[in-house]
Amino acid sequence: MPTVVTLPPDIEVRVIAEAARVGVTPERLVADLLERQLTAGRRVDAVAEAAEAARVAADRRAAVAALLDSWINASDPSDQQETLDVLIKGLDANRPGQRPHFPPEAKGRTW
């Protein structure tokens, strides 16, 4: 798509001189410069997006670690025992066979 850009005289002189130096037309030089600039902008955006994603992931990891720490530090051993008792009862309640997963006589020896 043809586009006309009016350059200030001093920039036009510099574009013509640089185009002659590298052996291309001024139009080709300006098109190449614009392409490089626009591509560089996309790379900067991609780097910024990657940095933001890394920051979000780090924040999530920190939040998960803080939650786990709060569970560890705030847990009461009696609550844990109650939870274990409910779990064992639930696992043994619906067994198709007669033998429980966690027989009471094995408590303290195998589990």
PDB file of N, CA and C in Angstrom:
ATOM      1  N   MET A   1       0.848  -1.163   0.000  1.00  0.00           N
ATOM      2  CA  MET A   1       0.000   0.000   0.000  1.00  0.00           C
ATOM      3  C   MET A   1       0.894   1.227   0.000  1.00  0.00           C
ATOM      4  N   PRO A   2       0.807   2.035  -1.012  1.00  0.00           N
ATOM      5  CA  PRO A   2       1.636   3.236  -1.074  1.00  0.00           C
ATOM      6  C   PRO A   2       1.192   4.245  -0.014  1.00  0.00           C
ATOM      7  N   THR A   3       2.167   4.798   0.678  1.00  0.00           N
ATOM      8  CA  THR A   3       1.910   5.818   1.688  1.00  0.00           C
ATOM      9  C   THR A   3       2.914   6.934   1.473  1.00  0.00           C
ATOM     10  N   VAL A   4       2.432   8.156   1.532  1.00  0.00           N
ATOM     11  CA  VAL A   4       3.305   9.309   1.351  1.00  0.00           C
ATOM     12  C   VAL A   4       3.585   9.905   2.724  1.00  0.00           C
ATOM     13  N   VAL A   5       4.865  10.045   3.037  1.00  0.00           N
ATOM     14  CA  VAL A   5       5.278  10.648   4.294  1.00  0.00           C
ATOM     15  C   VAL A   5       6.127  11.866   3.957  1.00  0.00           C
ATOM     16  N   THR A   6       5.755  12.992   4.506  1.00  0.00           N
ATOM     17  CA  THR A   6       6.526  14.209   4.290  1.00  0.00           C
ATOM     18  C   THR A   6       7.532  14.341   5.423  1.00  0.00           C
ATOM     19  N   LEU A   7       8.798  14.311   5.047  1.00  0.00           N
ATOM     20  CA  LEU A   7       9.865  14.393   6.040  1.00  0.00           C
ATOM     21  C   LEU A   7      10.413  15.804   6.124  1.00  0.00           C
ATOM     22  N   PRO A   8      10.856  16.204   7.280  1.00  0.00           N
ATOM     23  CA  PRO A   8      11.549  17.491   7.362  1.00  0.00           C
ATOM     24  C   PRO A   8      12.809  17.422   6.494  1.00  0.00           C
ATOM     25  N   PRO A   9      13.204  18.551   5.917  1.00  0.00           N
ATOM     26  CA  PRO A   9      14.340  18.543   4.983  1.00  0.00           C
ATOM     27  C   PRO A   9      15.613  17.926   5.550  1.00  0.00           C
ATOM     28  N   ASP A  10      15.935  18.177   6.821  1.00  0.00           N
ATOM     29  CA  ASP A  10      17.185  17.632   7.361  1.00  0.00           C
ATOM     30  C   ASP A  10      17.120  16.105   7.470  1.00  0.00           C
ATOM     31  N   ILE A  11      15.954  15.553   7.814  1.00  0.00           N
ATOM     32  CA  ILE A  11      15.822  14.099   7.887  1.00  0.00           C
ATOM     33  C   ILE A  11      15.827  13.496   6.485  1.00  0.00           C
ATOM     34  N   GLU A  12      15.204  14.180   5.538  1.00  0.00           N
ATOM     35  CA  GLU A  12      15.201  13.680   4.163  1.00  0.00           C
ATOM     36  C   GLU A  12      16.619  13.581   3.622  1.00  0.00           C
ATOM     37  N   VAL A  13      17.445  14.567   3.886  1.00  0.00           N
ATOM     38  CA  VAL A  13      18.841  14.552   3.440  1.00  0.00           C
ATOM     39  C   VAL A  13      19.566  13.372   4.068  1.00  0.00           C
ATOM     40  N   ARG A  14      19.333  13.133   5.369  1.00  0.00           N
ATOM     41  CA  ARG A  14      19.994  12.011   6.058  1.00  0.00           C
ATOM     42  C   ARG A  14      19.526  10.672   5.502  1.00  0.00           C
ATOM     43  N   VAL A  15      18.227  10.557   5.175  1.00  0.00           N
ATOM     44  CA  VAL A  15      17.701   9.300   4.614  1.00  0.00           C
ATOM     45  C   VAL A  15      18.332   9.046   3.248  1.00  0.00           C
ATOM     46  N   ILE A  16      18.400  10.070   2.414  1.00  0.00           N
ATOM     47  CA  ILE A  16      18.987   9.919   1.072  1.00  0.00           C
ATOM     48  C   ILE A  16      20.456   9.525   1.176  1.00  0.00           C
ATOM     49  N   ALA A  17      21.185  10.160   2.092  1.00  0.00           N
ATOM     50  CA  ALA A  17      22.611   9.859   2.251  1.00  0.00           C
ATOM     51  C   ALA A  17      22.809   8.424   2.749  1.00  0.00           C
ATOM     52  N   GLU A  18      22.008   8.003   3.729  1.00  0.00           N
ATOM     53  CA  GLU A  18      22.141   6.645   4.271  1.00  0.00           C
ATOM     54  C   GLU A  18      21.744   5.608   3.223  1.00  0.00           C
ATOM     55  N   ALA A  19      20.701   5.885   2.445  1.00  0.00           N
ATOM     56  CA  ALA A  19      20.281   4.960   1.395  1.00  0.00           C
ATOM     57  C   ALA A  19      21.394   4.794   0.360  1.00  0.00           C
ATOM     58  N   ALA A  20      22.041   5.889  -0.007  1.00  0.00           N
ATOM     59  CA  ALA A  20      23.150   5.814  -0.969  1.00  0.00           C
ATOM     60  C   ALA A  20      24.319   5.036  -0.368  1.00  0.00           C
ATOM     61  N   ARG A  21      24.561   5.242   0.926  1.00  0.00           N
ATOM     62  CA  ARG A  21      25.680   4.563   1.575  1.00  0.00           C
ATOM     63  C   ARG A  21      25.486   3.053   1.585  1.00  0.00           C
ATOM     64  N   VAL A  22      24.246   2.583   1.854  1.00  0.00           N
ATOM     65  CA  VAL A  22      24.017   1.137   1.926  1.00  0.00           C
ATOM     66  C   VAL A  22      23.564   0.543   0.599  1.00  0.00           C
ATOM     67  N   GLY A  23      23.329   1.388  -0.401  1.00  0.00           N
ATOM     68  CA  GLY A  23      23.024   0.888  -1.750  1.00  0.00           C
ATOM     69  C   GLY A  23      21.581   0.484  -1.975  1.00  0.00           C
ATOM     70  N   VAL A  24      20.646   1.181  -1.336  1.00  0.00           N
ATOM     71  CA  VAL A  24      19.224   0.913  -1.568  1.00  0.00           C
ATOM     72  C   VAL A  24      18.533   2.225  -1.864  1.00  0.00           C
ATOM     73  N   THR A  25      17.289   2.136  -2.312  1.00  0.00           N
ATOM     74  CA  THR A  25      16.525   3.357  -2.542  1.00  0.00           C
ATOM     75  C   THR A  25      16.094   3.941  -1.201  1.00  0.00           C
ATOM     76  N   PRO A  26      15.851   5.252  -1.139  1.00  0.00           N
ATOM     77  CA  PRO A  26      15.364   5.848   0.109  1.00  0.00           C
ATOM     78  C   PRO A  26      14.056   5.201   0.591  1.00  0.00           C
ATOM     79  N   GLU A  27      13.195   4.844  -0.356  1.00  0.00           N
ATOM     80  CA  GLU A  27      11.933   4.197   0.013  1.00  0.00           C
ATOM     81  C   GLU A  27      12.184   2.853   0.697  1.00  0.00           C
ATOM     82  N   ARG A  28      13.111   2.076   0.130  1.00  0.00           N
ATOM     83  CA  ARG A  28      13.439   0.765   0.716  1.00  0.00           C
ATOM     84  C   ARG A  28      14.050   0.936   2.106  1.00  0.00           C
ATOM     85  N   LEU A  29      14.929   1.929   2.250  1.00  0.00           N
ATOM     86  CA  LEU A  29      15.561   2.185   3.539  1.00  0.00           C
ATOM     87  C   LEU A  29      14.518   2.525   4.598  1.00  0.00           C
ATOM     88  N   VAL A  30      13.603   3.424   4.247  1.00  0.00           N
ATOM     89  CA  VAL A  30      12.566   3.812   5.215  1.00  0.00           C
ATOM     90  C   VAL A  30      11.669   2.617   5.542  1.00  0.00           C
ATOM     91  N   ALA A  31      11.316   1.817   4.558  1.00  0.00           N
ATOM     92  CA  ALA A  31      10.488   0.631   4.809  1.00  0.00           C
ATOM     93  C   ALA A  31      11.210  -0.351   5.727  1.00  0.00           C
ATOM     94  N   ASP A  32      12.506  -0.565   5.480  1.00  0.00           N
ATOM     95  CA  ASP A  32      13.283  -1.472   6.339  1.00  0.00           C
ATOM     96  C   ASP A  32      13.381  -0.937   7.767  1.00  0.00           C
ATOM     97  N   LEU A  33      13.628   0.368   7.895  1.00  0.00           N
ATOM     98  CA  LEU A  33      13.718   0.965   9.233  1.00  0.00           C
ATOM     99  C   LEU A  33      12.388   0.831   9.998  1.00  0.00           C
ATOM    100  N   LEU A  34      11.293   1.076   9.300  1.00  0.00           N
ATOM    101  CA  LEU A  34       9.984   0.935   9.939  1.00  0.00           C
ATOM    102  C   LEU A  34       9.721  -0.513  10.357  1.00  0.00           C
ATOM    103  N   GLU A  35      10.077  -1.437   9.485  1.00  0.00           N
ATOM    104  CA  GLU A  35       9.884  -2.857   9.805  1.00  0.00           C
ATOM    105  C   GLU A  35      10.690  -3.246  11.036  1.00  0.00           C
ATOM    106  N   ARG A  36      11.950  -2.833  11.090  1.00  0.00           N
ATOM    107  CA  ARG A  36      12.782  -3.151  12.266  1.00  0.00           C
ATOM    108  C   ARG A  36      12.197  -2.541  13.530  1.00  0.00           C
ATOM    109  N   GLN A  37      11.750  -1.309  13.424  1.00  0.00           N
ATOM    110  CA  GLN A  37      11.206  -0.627  14.604  1.00  0.00           C
ATOM    111  C   GLN A  37       9.925  -1.311  15.091  1.00  0.00           C
ATOM    112  N   LEU A  38       9.059  -1.670  14.154  1.00  0.00           N
ATOM    113  CA  LEU A  38       7.809  -2.326  14.546  1.00  0.00           C
ATOM    114  C   LEU A  38       8.060  -3.723  15.100  1.00  0.00           C
ATOM    115  N   THR A  39       9.005  -4.440  14.532  1.00  0.00           N
ATOM    116  CA  THR A  39       9.354  -5.766  15.045  1.00  0.00           C
ATOM    117  C   THR A  39       9.973  -5.656  16.427  1.00  0.00           C
ATOM    118  N   ALA A  40      10.828  -4.671  16.641  1.00  0.00           N
ATOM    119  CA  ALA A  40      11.440  -4.469  17.956  1.00  0.00           C
ATOM    120  C   ALA A  40      10.374  -4.176  18.993  1.00  0.00           C
ATOM    121  N   GLY A  41       9.364  -3.411  18.615  1.00  0.00           N
ATOM    122  CA  GLY A  41       8.266  -3.119  19.538  1.00  0.00           C
ATOM    123  C   GLY A  41       7.523  -4.377  19.943  1.00  0.00           C
ATOM    124  N   ARG A  42       7.338  -5.306  18.993  1.00  0.00           N
ATOM    125  CA  ARG A  42       6.655  -6.569  19.322  1.00  0.00           C
ATOM    126  C   ARG A  42       7.515  -7.406  20.250  1.00  0.00           C
ATOM    127  N   ARG A  43       8.846  -7.382  20.035  1.00  0.00           N
ATOM    128  CA  ARG A  43       9.739  -8.142  20.918  1.00  0.00           C
ATOM    129  C   ARG A  43       9.690  -7.580  22.331  1.00  0.00           C
ATOM    130  N   VAL A  44       9.673  -6.256  22.431  1.00  0.00           N
ATOM    131  CA  VAL A  44       9.596  -5.626  23.747  1.00  0.00           C
ATOM    132  C   VAL A  44       8.288  -6.015  24.423  1.00  0.00           C
ATOM    133  N   ASP A  45       7.180  -6.030  23.672  1.00  0.00           N
ATOM    134  CA  ASP A  45       5.895  -6.445  24.228  1.00  0.00           C
ATOM    135  C   ASP A  45       5.948  -7.891  24.695  1.00  0.00           C
ATOM    136  N   ALA A  46       6.558  -8.762  23.923  1.00  0.00           N
ATOM    137  CA  ALA A  46       6.653 -10.178  24.291  1.00  0.00           C
ATOM    138  C   ALA A  46       7.489 -10.352  25.550  1.00  0.00           C
ATOM    139  N   VAL A  47       8.569  -9.602  25.663  1.00  0.00           N
ATOM    140  CA  VAL A  47       9.409  -9.677  26.861  1.00  0.00           C
ATOM    141  C   VAL A  47       8.632  -9.162  28.067  1.00  0.00           C
ATOM    142  N   ALA A  48       7.904  -8.083  27.888  1.00  0.00           N
ATOM    143  CA  ALA A  48       7.108  -7.536  28.992  1.00  0.00           C
ATOM    144  C   ALA A  48       6.025  -8.525  29.417  1.00  0.00           C
ATOM    145  N   GLU A  49       5.383  -9.168  28.448  1.00  0.00           N
ATOM    146  CA  GLU A  49       4.355 -10.166  28.773  1.00  0.00           C
ATOM    147  C   GLU A  49       4.961 -11.352  29.516  1.00  0.00           C
ATOM    148  N   ALA A  50       6.125 -11.805  29.086  1.00  0.00           N
ATOM    149  CA  ALA A  50       6.784 -12.919  29.768  1.00  0.00           C
ATOM    150  C   ALA A  50       7.172 -12.532  31.190  1.00  0.00           C
ATOM    151  N   ALA A  51       7.658 -11.321  31.372  1.00  0.00           N
ATOM    152  CA  ALA A  51       8.023 -10.859  32.714  1.00  0.00           C
ATOM    153  C   ALA A  51       6.791 -10.783  33.607  1.00  0.00           C
ATOM    154  N   GLU A  52       5.681 -10.307  33.075  1.00  0.00           N
ATOM    155  CA  GLU A  52       4.439 -10.229  33.848  1.00  0.00           C
ATOM    156  C   GLU A  52       3.934 -11.621  34.209  1.00  0.00           C
ATOM    157  N   ALA A  53       4.008 -12.554  33.268  1.00  0.00           N
ATOM    158  CA  ALA A  53       3.581 -13.930  33.550  1.00  0.00           C
ATOM    159  C   ALA A  53       4.456 -14.555  34.629  1.00  0.00           C
ATOM    160  N   ALA A  54       5.753 -14.288  34.584  1.00  0.00           N
ATOM    161  CA  ALA A  54       6.654 -14.815  35.612  1.00  0.00           C
ATOM    162  C   ALA A  54       6.334 -14.203  36.973  1.00  0.00           C
ATOM    163  N   ARG A  55       6.008 -12.908  36.993  1.00  0.00           N
ATOM    164  CA  ARG A  55       5.657 -12.252  38.251  1.00  0.00           C
ATOM    165  C   ARG A  55       4.371 -12.830  38.826  1.00  0.00           C
ATOM    166  N   VAL A  56       3.374 -13.051  37.967  1.00  0.00           N
ATOM    167  CA  VAL A  56       2.106 -13.630  38.420  1.00  0.00           C
ATOM    168  C   VAL A  56       2.340 -15.041  38.965  1.00  0.00           C
ATOM    169  N   ALA A  57       3.146 -15.836  38.265  1.00  0.00           N
ATOM    170  CA  ALA A  57       3.438 -17.195  38.730  1.00  0.00           C
ATOM    171  C   ALA A  57       4.160 -17.162  40.072  1.00  0.00           C
ATOM    172  N   ALA A  58       5.102 -16.250  40.235  1.00  0.00           N
ATOM    173  CA  ALA A  58       5.821 -16.133  41.508  1.00  0.00           C
ATOM    174  C   ALA A  58       4.872 -15.724  42.625  1.00  0.00           C
ATOM    175  N   ASP A  59       3.955 -14.811  42.324  1.00  0.00           N
ATOM    176  CA  ASP A  59       2.965 -14.401  43.326  1.00  0.00           C
ATOM    177  C   ASP A  59       2.080 -15.575  43.732  1.00  0.00           C
ATOM    178  N   ARG A  60       1.675 -16.378  42.757  1.00  0.00           N
ATOM    179  CA  ARG A  60       0.838 -17.548  43.060  1.00  0.00           C
ATOM    180  C   ARG A  60       1.601 -18.555  43.919  1.00  0.00           C
ATOM    181  N   ARG A  61       2.870 -18.800  43.559  1.00  0.00           N
ATOM    182  CA  ARG A  61       3.677 -19.727  44.362  1.00  0.00           C
ATOM    183  C   ARG A  61       3.825 -19.231  45.791  1.00  0.00           C
ATOM    184  N   ALA A  62       4.047 -17.931  45.943  1.00  0.00           N
ATOM    185  CA  ALA A  62       4.190 -17.355  47.284  1.00  0.00           C
ATOM    186  C   ALA A  62       2.886 -17.485  48.064  1.00  0.00           C
ATOM    187  N   ALA A  63       1.756 -17.280  47.400  1.00  0.00           N
ATOM    188  CA  ALA A  63       0.470 -17.401  48.074  1.00  0.00           C
ATOM    189  C   ALA A  63       0.214 -18.844  48.509  1.00  0.00           C
ATOM    190  N   VAL A  64       0.536 -19.792  47.642  1.00  0.00           N
ATOM    191  CA  VAL A  64       0.355 -21.207  47.990  1.00  0.00           C
ATOM    192  C   VAL A  64       1.269 -21.579  49.154  1.00  0.00           C
ATOM    193  N   ALA A  65       2.512 -21.130  49.116  1.00  0.00           N
ATOM    194  CA  ALA A  65       3.448 -21.424  50.206  1.00  0.00           C
ATOM    195  C   ALA A  65       2.957 -20.825  51.515  1.00  0.00           C
ATOM    196  N   ALA A  66       2.434 -19.611  51.462  1.00  0.00           N
ATOM    197  CA  ALA A  66       1.913 -18.971  52.677  1.00  0.00           C
ATOM    198  C   ALA A  66       0.703 -19.737  53.216  1.00  0.00           C
ATOM    199  N   LEU A  67      -0.162 -20.192  52.321  1.00  0.00           N
ATOM    200  CA  LEU A  67      -1.331 -20.964  52.754  1.00  0.00           C
ATOM    201  C   LEU A  67      -0.900 -22.277  53.405  1.00  0.00           C
ATOM    202  N   LEU A  68       0.027 -22.973  52.773  1.00  0.00           N
ATOM    203  CA  LEU A  68       0.515 -24.226  53.353  1.00  0.00           C
ATOM    204  C   LEU A  68       1.167 -23.989  54.711  1.00  0.00           C
ATOM    205  N   ASP A  69       1.965 -22.936  54.810  1.00  0.00           N
ATOM    206  CA  ASP A  69       2.581 -22.600  56.096  1.00  0.00           C
ATOM    207  C   ASP A  69       1.528 -22.314  57.158  1.00  0.00           C
ATOM    208  N   SER A  70       0.471 -21.606  56.771  1.00  0.00           N
ATOM    209  CA  SER A  70      -0.575 -21.304  57.752  1.00  0.00           C
ATOM    210  C   SER A  70      -1.269 -22.576  58.211  1.00  0.00           C
ATOM    211  N   TRP A  71      -1.448 -23.523  57.309  1.00  0.00           N
ATOM    212  CA  TRP A  71      -2.063 -24.791  57.701  1.00  0.00           C
ATOM    213  C   TRP A  71      -1.149 -25.565  58.656  1.00  0.00           C
ATOM    214  N   ILE A  72       0.132 -25.565  58.339  1.00  0.00           N
ATOM    215  CA  ILE A  72       1.086 -26.296  59.175  1.00  0.00           C
ATOM    216  C   ILE A  72       1.179 -25.655  60.560  1.00  0.00           C
ATOM    217  N   ASN A  73       1.303 -24.347  60.598  1.00  0.00           N
ATOM    218  CA  ASN A  73       1.502 -23.648  61.867  1.00  0.00           C
ATOM    219  C   ASN A  73       0.232 -23.551  62.704  1.00  0.00           C
ATOM    220  N   ALA A  74      -0.917 -23.567  62.065  1.00  0.00           N
ATOM    221  CA  ALA A  74      -2.170 -23.389  62.805  1.00  0.00           C
ATOM    222  C   ALA A  74      -2.848 -24.710  63.117  1.00  0.00           C
ATOM    223  N   SER A  75      -2.291 -25.817  62.656  1.00  0.00           N
ATOM    224  CA  SER A  75      -2.975 -27.088  62.842  1.00  0.00           C
ATOM    225  C   SER A  75      -2.835 -27.577  64.275  1.00  0.00           C
ATOM    226  N   ASP A  76      -3.906 -28.150  64.751  1.00  0.00           N
ATOM    227  CA  ASP A  76      -3.949 -28.718  66.091  1.00  0.00           C
ATOM    228  C   ASP A  76      -3.880 -30.234  65.924  1.00  0.00           C
ATOM    229  N   PRO A  77      -2.956 -30.912  66.606  1.00  0.00           N
ATOM    230  CA  PRO A  77      -2.834 -32.366  66.447  1.00  0.00           C
ATOM    231  C   PRO A  77      -4.143 -33.112  66.720  1.00  0.00           C
ATOM    232  N   SER A  78      -4.952 -32.599  67.616  1.00  0.00           N
ATOM    233  CA  SER A  78      -6.230 -33.280  67.876  1.00  0.00           C
ATOM    234  C   SER A  78      -7.160 -33.168  66.674  1.00  0.00           C
ATOM    235  N   ASP A  79      -7.104 -32.029  65.955  1.00  0.00           N
ATOM    236  CA  ASP A  79      -7.896 -31.898  64.724  1.00  0.00           C
ATOM    237  C   ASP A  79      -7.423 -32.907  63.690  1.00  0.00           C
ATOM    238  N   GLN A  80      -6.112 -33.058  63.594  1.00  0.00           N
ATOM    239  CA  GLN A  80      -5.570 -34.017  62.635  1.00  0.00           C
ATOM    240  C   GLN A  80      -5.990 -35.439  62.993  1.00  0.00           C
ATOM    241  N   GLN A  81      -6.001 -35.772  64.272  1.00  0.00           N
ATOM    242  CA  GLN A  81      -6.407 -37.110  64.691  1.00  0.00           C
ATOM    243  C   GLN A  81      -7.878 -37.342  64.380  1.00  0.00           C
ATOM    244  N   GLU A  82      -8.709 -36.324  64.627  1.00  0.00           N
ATOM    245  CA  GLU A  82     -10.136 -36.447  64.306  1.00  0.00           C
ATOM    246  C   GLU A  82     -10.335 -36.656  62.810  1.00  0.00           C
ATOM    247  N   THR A  83      -9.592 -35.917  62.008  1.00  0.00           N
ATOM    248  CA  THR A  83      -9.698 -36.063  60.555  1.00  0.00           C
ATOM    249  C   THR A  83      -9.261 -37.463  60.133  1.00  0.00           C
ATOM    250  N   LEU A  84      -8.184 -37.964  60.702  1.00  0.00           N
ATOM    251  CA  LEU A  84      -7.720 -39.310  60.381  1.00  0.00           C
ATOM    252  C   LEU A  84      -8.764 -40.357  60.783  1.00  0.00           C
ATOM    253  N   ASP A  85      -9.351 -40.194  61.954  1.00  0.00           N
ATOM    254  CA  ASP A  85     -10.361 -41.151  62.403  1.00  0.00           C
ATOM    255  C   ASP A  85     -11.561 -41.179  61.457  1.00  0.00           C
ATOM    256  N   VAL A  86     -12.008 -40.014  61.007  1.00  0.00           N
ATOM    257  CA  VAL A  86     -13.133 -39.948  60.062  1.00  0.00           C
ATOM    258  C   VAL A  86     -12.740 -40.590  58.729  1.00  0.00           C
ATOM    259  N   LEU A  87     -11.528 -40.328  58.281  1.00  0.00           N
ATOM    260  CA  LEU A  87     -11.058 -40.913  57.023  1.00  0.00           C
ATOM    261  C   LEU A  87     -11.008 -42.432  57.114  1.00  0.00           C
ATOM    262  N   ILE A  88     -10.419 -42.955  58.184  1.00  0.00           N
ATOM    263  CA  ILE A  88     -10.314 -44.407  58.352  1.00  0.00           C
ATOM    264  C   ILE A  88     -11.700 -45.035  58.414  1.00  0.00           C
ATOM    265  N   LYS A  89     -12.594 -44.428  59.172  1.00  0.00           N
ATOM    266  CA  LYS A  89     -13.952 -44.953  59.281  1.00  0.00           C
ATOM    267  C   LYS A  89     -14.632 -44.974  57.913  1.00  0.00           C
ATOM    268  N   GLY A  90     -14.460 -43.890  57.148  1.00  0.00           N
ATOM    269  CA  GLY A  90     -15.071 -43.822  55.821  1.00  0.00           C
ATOM    270  C   GLY A  90     -14.489 -44.847  54.859  1.00  0.00           C
ATOM    271  N   LEU A  91     -13.193 -45.060  54.908  1.00  0.00           N
ATOM    272  CA  LEU A  91     -12.564 -46.033  54.014  1.00  0.00           C
ATOM    273  C   LEU A  91     -12.963 -47.462  54.368  1.00  0.00           C
ATOM    274  N   ASP A  92     -13.121 -47.749  55.651  1.00  0.00           N
ATOM    275  CA  ASP A  92     -13.484 -49.094  56.072  1.00  0.00           C
ATOM    276  C   ASP A  92     -14.984 -49.355  55.970  1.00  0.00           C
ATOM    277  N   ALA A  93     -15.807 -48.316  55.943  1.00  0.00           N
ATOM    278  CA  ALA A  93     -17.262 -48.486  56.003  1.00  0.00           C
ATOM    279  C   ALA A  93     -17.832 -49.173  54.767  1.00  0.00           C
ATOM    280  N   ASN A  94     -17.350 -48.860  53.610  1.00  0.00           N
ATOM    281  CA  ASN A  94     -17.962 -49.355  52.374  1.00  0.00           C
ATOM    282  C   ASN A  94     -17.109 -50.394  51.671  1.00  0.00           C
ATOM    283  N   ARG A  95     -16.397 -51.180  52.426  1.00  0.00           N
ATOM    284  CA  ARG A  95     -15.571 -52.223  51.809  1.00  0.00           C
ATOM    285  C   ARG A  95     -16.450 -53.395  51.406  1.00  0.00           C
ATOM    286  N   PRO A  96     -16.213 -53.954  50.238  1.00  0.00           N
ATOM    287  CA  PRO A  96     -17.022 -55.110  49.826  1.00  0.00           C
ATOM    288  C   PRO A  96     -16.711 -56.366  50.656  1.00  0.00           C
ATOM    289  N   GLY A  97     -15.499 -56.467  51.148  1.00  0.00           N
ATOM    290  CA  GLY A  97     -15.144 -57.643  51.944  1.00  0.00           C
ATOM    291  C   GLY A  97     -15.319 -57.366  53.426  1.00  0.00           C
ATOM    292  N   GLN A  98     -15.007 -58.359  54.227  1.00  0.00           N
ATOM    293  CA  GLN A  98     -15.146 -58.224  55.671  1.00  0.00           C
ATOM    294  C   GLN A  98     -13.915 -57.623  56.334  1.00  0.00           C
ATOM    295  N   ARG A  99     -12.768 -57.778  55.702  1.00  0.00           N
ATOM    296  CA  ARG A  99     -11.520 -57.316  56.308  1.00  0.00           C
ATOM    297  C   ARG A  99     -11.353 -55.811  56.088  1.00  0.00           C
ATOM    298  N   PRO A 100     -11.211 -55.006  57.152  1.00  0.00           N
ATOM    299  CA  PRO A 100     -11.040 -53.557  56.986  1.00  0.00           C
ATOM    300  C   PRO A 100      -9.622 -53.214  56.527  1.00  0.00           C
ATOM    301  N   HIS A 101      -9.508 -52.066  55.878  1.00  0.00           N
ATOM    302  CA  HIS A 101      -8.181 -51.563  55.489  1.00  0.00           C
ATOM    303  C   HIS A 101      -7.337 -51.277  56.728  1.00  0.00           C
ATOM    304  N   PHE A 102      -7.983 -50.761  57.736  1.00  0.00           N
ATOM    305  CA  PHE A 102      -7.297 -50.326  58.946  1.00  0.00           C
ATOM    306  C   PHE A 102      -7.884 -51.044  60.162  1.00  0.00           C
ATOM    307  N   PRO A 103      -7.459 -52.287  60.412  1.00  0.00           N
ATOM    308  CA  PRO A 103      -8.012 -53.037  61.561  1.00  0.00           C
ATOM    309  C   PRO A 103      -7.560 -52.378  62.877  1.00  0.00           C
ATOM    310  N   PRO A 104      -8.472 -52.267  63.837  1.00  0.00           N
ATOM    311  CA  PRO A 104      -8.150 -51.613  65.108  1.00  0.00           C
ATOM    312  C   PRO A 104      -6.957 -52.256  65.816  1.00  0.00           C
ATOM    313  N   GLU A 105      -6.798 -53.566  65.676  1.00  0.00           N
ATOM    314  CA  GLU A 105      -5.691 -54.231  66.380  1.00  0.00           C
ATOM    315  C   GLU A 105      -4.325 -53.888  65.791  1.00  0.00           C
ATOM    316  N   ALA A 106      -4.287 -53.312  64.562  1.00  0.00           N
ATOM    317  CA  ALA A 106      -3.005 -52.947  63.956  1.00  0.00           C
ATOM    318  C   ALA A 106      -2.642 -51.483  64.197  1.00  0.00           C
ATOM    319  N   LYS A 107      -3.534 -50.753  64.863  1.00  0.00           N
ATOM    320  CA  LYS A 107      -3.282 -49.323  65.097  1.00  0.00           C
ATOM    321  C   LYS A 107      -2.023 -49.171  65.949  1.00  0.00           C
ATOM    322  N   GLY A 108      -1.160 -48.284  65.515  1.00  0.00           N
ATOM    323  CA  GLY A 108       0.086 -48.054  66.213  1.00  0.00           C
ATOM    324  C   GLY A 108       1.237 -48.906  65.734  1.00  0.00           C
ATOM    325  N   ARG A 109       0.930 -50.011  65.034  1.00  0.00           N
ATOM    326  CA  ARG A 109       1.995 -50.867  64.513  1.00  0.00           C
ATOM    327  C   ARG A 109       2.223 -50.633  63.035  1.00  0.00           C
ATOM    328  N   THR A 110       1.149 -50.599  62.256  1.00  0.00           N
ATOM    329  CA  THR A 110       1.294 -50.465  60.806  1.00  0.00           C
ATOM    330  C   THR A 110       0.740 -49.171  60.266  1.00  0.00           C
ATOM    331  N   TRP A 111      -0.012 -48.447  61.066  1.00  0.00           N
ATOM    332  CA  TRP A 111      -0.535 -47.159  60.610  1.00  0.00           C
ATOM    333  C   TRP A 111      -0.723 -46.202  61.720  1.00  0.00           C
TER     334      TRP A 111
END
